[in-house]
Amino acid sequence: MNHIVTVQDAVTAFADFMEPTDAELEAIEQELPLILAEVDQLDAQIKAFDHPANEVDARRIRRARNRVLAARRDLVNRTAGTSLPGGAA
């Protein structure tokens, strides 16, 4: 008879290493406005797929694209003064 043995110890042995660090969470938090703007842009594009193209959809997509560009600009301006670890001297 073969016994079924759980491998929980092997699976959860690296759980502490798999958690994001505080620096990674901070980076995600800084990028969150850009991420949300990109999600809004995708939503606008998906809505446009449901029916024939019209001016309202084009305007919605254009505004969403502008929000993405503004969020990227703001992110770059916020992070321009910070130094990243591991950079060249």
C-alpha atoms as a PDB file:
ATOM      1  CA  MET A   1       0.000   0.000   0.000  1.00  0.00           C
ATOM      2  CA  ASN A   2       1.364   3.424  -0.978  1.00  0.00           C
ATOM      3  CA  HIS A   3       0.855   6.239   1.478  1.00  0.00           C
ATOM      4  CA  ILE A   4       0.044   9.712   0.283  1.00  0.00           C
ATOM      5  CA  VAL A   5       2.267  12.219   2.021  1.00  0.00           C
ATOM      6  CA  THR A   6       1.734  15.954   1.960  1.00  0.00           C
ATOM      7  CA  VAL A   7       4.491  18.138   0.675  1.00  0.00           C
ATOM      8  CA  GLN A   8       3.434  21.217   2.576  1.00  0.00           C
ATOM      9  CA  ASP A   9       6.847  21.682   4.180  1.00  0.00           C
ATOM     10  CA  ALA A  10       8.525  21.612   0.787  1.00  0.00           C
ATOM     11  CA  VAL A  11       5.977  23.982  -0.731  1.00  0.00           C
ATOM     12  CA  THR A  12       5.875  26.512   2.102  1.00  0.00           C
ATOM     13  CA  ALA A  13       9.579  26.372   2.916  1.00  0.00           C
ATOM     14  CA  PHE A  14      10.243  29.378   0.683  1.00  0.00           C
ATOM     15  CA  ALA A  15       7.123  31.364   1.580  1.00  0.00           C
ATOM     16  CA  ASP A  16       9.116  34.060   3.412  1.00  0.00           C
ATOM     17  CA  PHE A  17      11.263  34.629   0.344  1.00  0.00           C
ATOM     18  CA  MET A  18       8.260  34.891  -1.962  1.00  0.00           C
ATOM     19  CA  GLU A  19       6.700  37.866  -0.189  1.00  0.00           C
ATOM     20  CA  PRO A  20       7.362  41.294  -1.704  1.00  0.00           C
ATOM     21  CA  THR A  21       9.782  43.484   0.174  1.00  0.00           C
ATOM     22  CA  ASP A  22       8.868  46.897   1.529  1.00  0.00           C
ATOM     23  CA  ALA A  23      10.805  48.521  -1.328  1.00  0.00           C
ATOM     24  CA  GLU A  24       8.859  46.509  -3.904  1.00  0.00           C
ATOM     25  CA  LEU A  25       5.545  47.434  -2.286  1.00  0.00           C
ATOM     26  CA  GLU A  26       6.588  51.094  -2.287  1.00  0.00           C
ATOM     27  CA  ALA A  27       7.476  50.895  -5.992  1.00  0.00           C
ATOM     28  CA  ILE A  28       4.079  49.347  -6.753  1.00  0.00           C
ATOM     29  CA  GLU A  29       2.374  52.072  -4.745  1.00  0.00           C
ATOM     30  CA  GLN A  30       4.230  54.754  -6.702  1.00  0.00           C
ATOM     31  CA  GLU A  31       3.209  53.137  -9.996  1.00  0.00           C
ATOM     32  CA  LEU A  32      -0.421  52.625  -8.959  1.00  0.00           C
ATOM     33  CA  PRO A  33      -1.790  55.777 -10.683  1.00  0.00           C
ATOM     34  CA  LEU A  34      -0.189  54.628 -13.947  1.00  0.00           C
ATOM     35  CA  ILE A  35      -1.528  51.106 -13.513  1.00  0.00           C
ATOM     36  CA  LEU A  36      -5.052  52.397 -12.895  1.00  0.00           C
ATOM     37  CA  ALA A  37      -4.841  54.731 -15.905  1.00  0.00           C
ATOM     38  CA  GLU A  38      -3.745  51.815 -18.097  1.00  0.00           C
ATOM     39  CA  VAL A  39      -6.662  49.727 -16.814  1.00  0.00           C
ATOM     40  CA  ASP A  40      -9.041  52.569 -17.698  1.00  0.00           C
ATOM     41  CA  GLN A  41      -7.536  52.734 -21.185  1.00  0.00           C
ATOM     42  CA  LEU A  42      -8.031  48.996 -21.653  1.00  0.00           C
ATOM     43  CA  ASP A  43     -11.626  49.315 -20.446  1.00  0.00           C
ATOM     44  CA  ALA A  44     -12.278  52.056 -22.994  1.00  0.00           C
ATOM     45  CA  GLN A  45     -10.769  49.933 -25.761  1.00  0.00           C
ATOM     46  CA  ILE A  46     -12.799  46.882 -24.734  1.00  0.00           C
ATOM     47  CA  LYS A  47     -16.020  48.930 -24.697  1.00  0.00           C
ATOM     48  CA  ALA A  48     -15.244  50.072 -28.240  1.00  0.00           C
ATOM     49  CA  PHE A  49     -15.102  46.440 -29.411  1.00  0.00           C
ATOM     50  CA  ASP A  50     -18.751  45.836 -28.517  1.00  0.00           C
ATOM     51  CA  HIS A  51     -20.173  47.923 -31.355  1.00  0.00           C
ATOM     52  CA  PRO A  52     -19.149  49.777 -34.504  1.00  0.00           C
ATOM     53  CA  ALA A  53     -16.678  52.605 -33.970  1.00  0.00           C
ATOM     54  CA  ASN A  54     -18.124  56.018 -33.241  1.00  0.00           C
ATOM     55  CA  GLU A  55     -16.878  59.432 -32.142  1.00  0.00           C
ATOM     56  CA  VAL A  56     -17.766  58.897 -28.471  1.00  0.00           C
ATOM     57  CA  ASP A  57     -15.591  55.795 -28.273  1.00  0.00           C
ATOM     58  CA  ALA A  58     -12.739  57.528 -30.062  1.00  0.00           C
ATOM     59  CA  ARG A  59     -12.960  60.424 -27.608  1.00  0.00           C
ATOM     60  CA  ARG A  60     -13.096  58.042 -24.628  1.00  0.00           C
ATOM     61  CA  ILE A  61     -10.010  56.182 -25.851  1.00  0.00           C
ATOM     62  CA  ARG A  62      -8.150  59.425 -26.599  1.00  0.00           C
ATOM     63  CA  ARG A  63      -8.882  60.789 -23.104  1.00  0.00           C
ATOM     64  CA  ALA A  64      -7.802  57.513 -21.509  1.00  0.00           C
ATOM     65  CA  ARG A  65      -4.574  57.564 -23.535  1.00  0.00           C
ATOM     66  CA  ASN A  66      -3.939  61.136 -22.390  1.00  0.00           C
ATOM     67  CA  ARG A  67      -4.447  60.068 -18.758  1.00  0.00           C
ATOM     68  CA  VAL A  68      -1.914  57.262 -19.257  1.00  0.00           C
ATOM     69  CA  LEU A  69       0.610  59.694 -20.731  1.00  0.00           C
ATOM     70  CA  ALA A  70       0.049  62.143 -17.873  1.00  0.00           C
ATOM     71  CA  ALA A  71       0.461  59.372 -15.296  1.00  0.00           C
ATOM     72  CA  ARG A  72       3.695  58.243 -16.986  1.00  0.00           C
ATOM     73  CA  ARG A  73       4.965  61.829 -17.012  1.00  0.00           C
ATOM     74  CA  ASP A  74       4.137  62.253 -13.320  1.00  0.00           C
ATOM     75  CA  LEU A  75       5.807  58.959 -12.436  1.00  0.00           C
ATOM     76  CA  VAL A  76       8.990  59.868 -14.302  1.00  0.00           C
ATOM     77  CA  ASN A  77       9.053  63.321 -12.705  1.00  0.00           C
ATOM     78  CA  ARG A  78       8.581  61.814  -9.225  1.00  0.00           C
ATOM     79  CA  THR A  79      11.282  59.195  -9.673  1.00  0.00           C
ATOM     80  CA  ALA A  80      13.788  61.349 -11.601  1.00  0.00           C
ATOM     81  CA  GLY A  81      15.515  62.548  -8.447  1.00  0.00           C
ATOM     82  CA  THR A  82      15.726  59.191  -6.723  1.00  0.00           C
ATOM     83  CA  SER A  83      18.670  56.877  -7.213  1.00  0.00           C
ATOM     84  CA  LEU A  84      18.061  53.219  -7.847  1.00  0.00           C
ATOM     85  CA  PRO A  85      20.138  50.559  -6.093  1.00  0.00           C
ATOM     86  CA  GLY A  86      22.711  48.783  -8.211  1.00  0.00           C
ATOM     87  CA  GLY A  87      23.215  51.693 -10.584  1.00  0.00           C
ATOM     88  CA  ALA A  88      26.503  52.682 -12.121  1.00  0.00           C
ATOM     89  CA  ALA A  89      28.750  54.979 -10.117  1.00  0.00           C
END
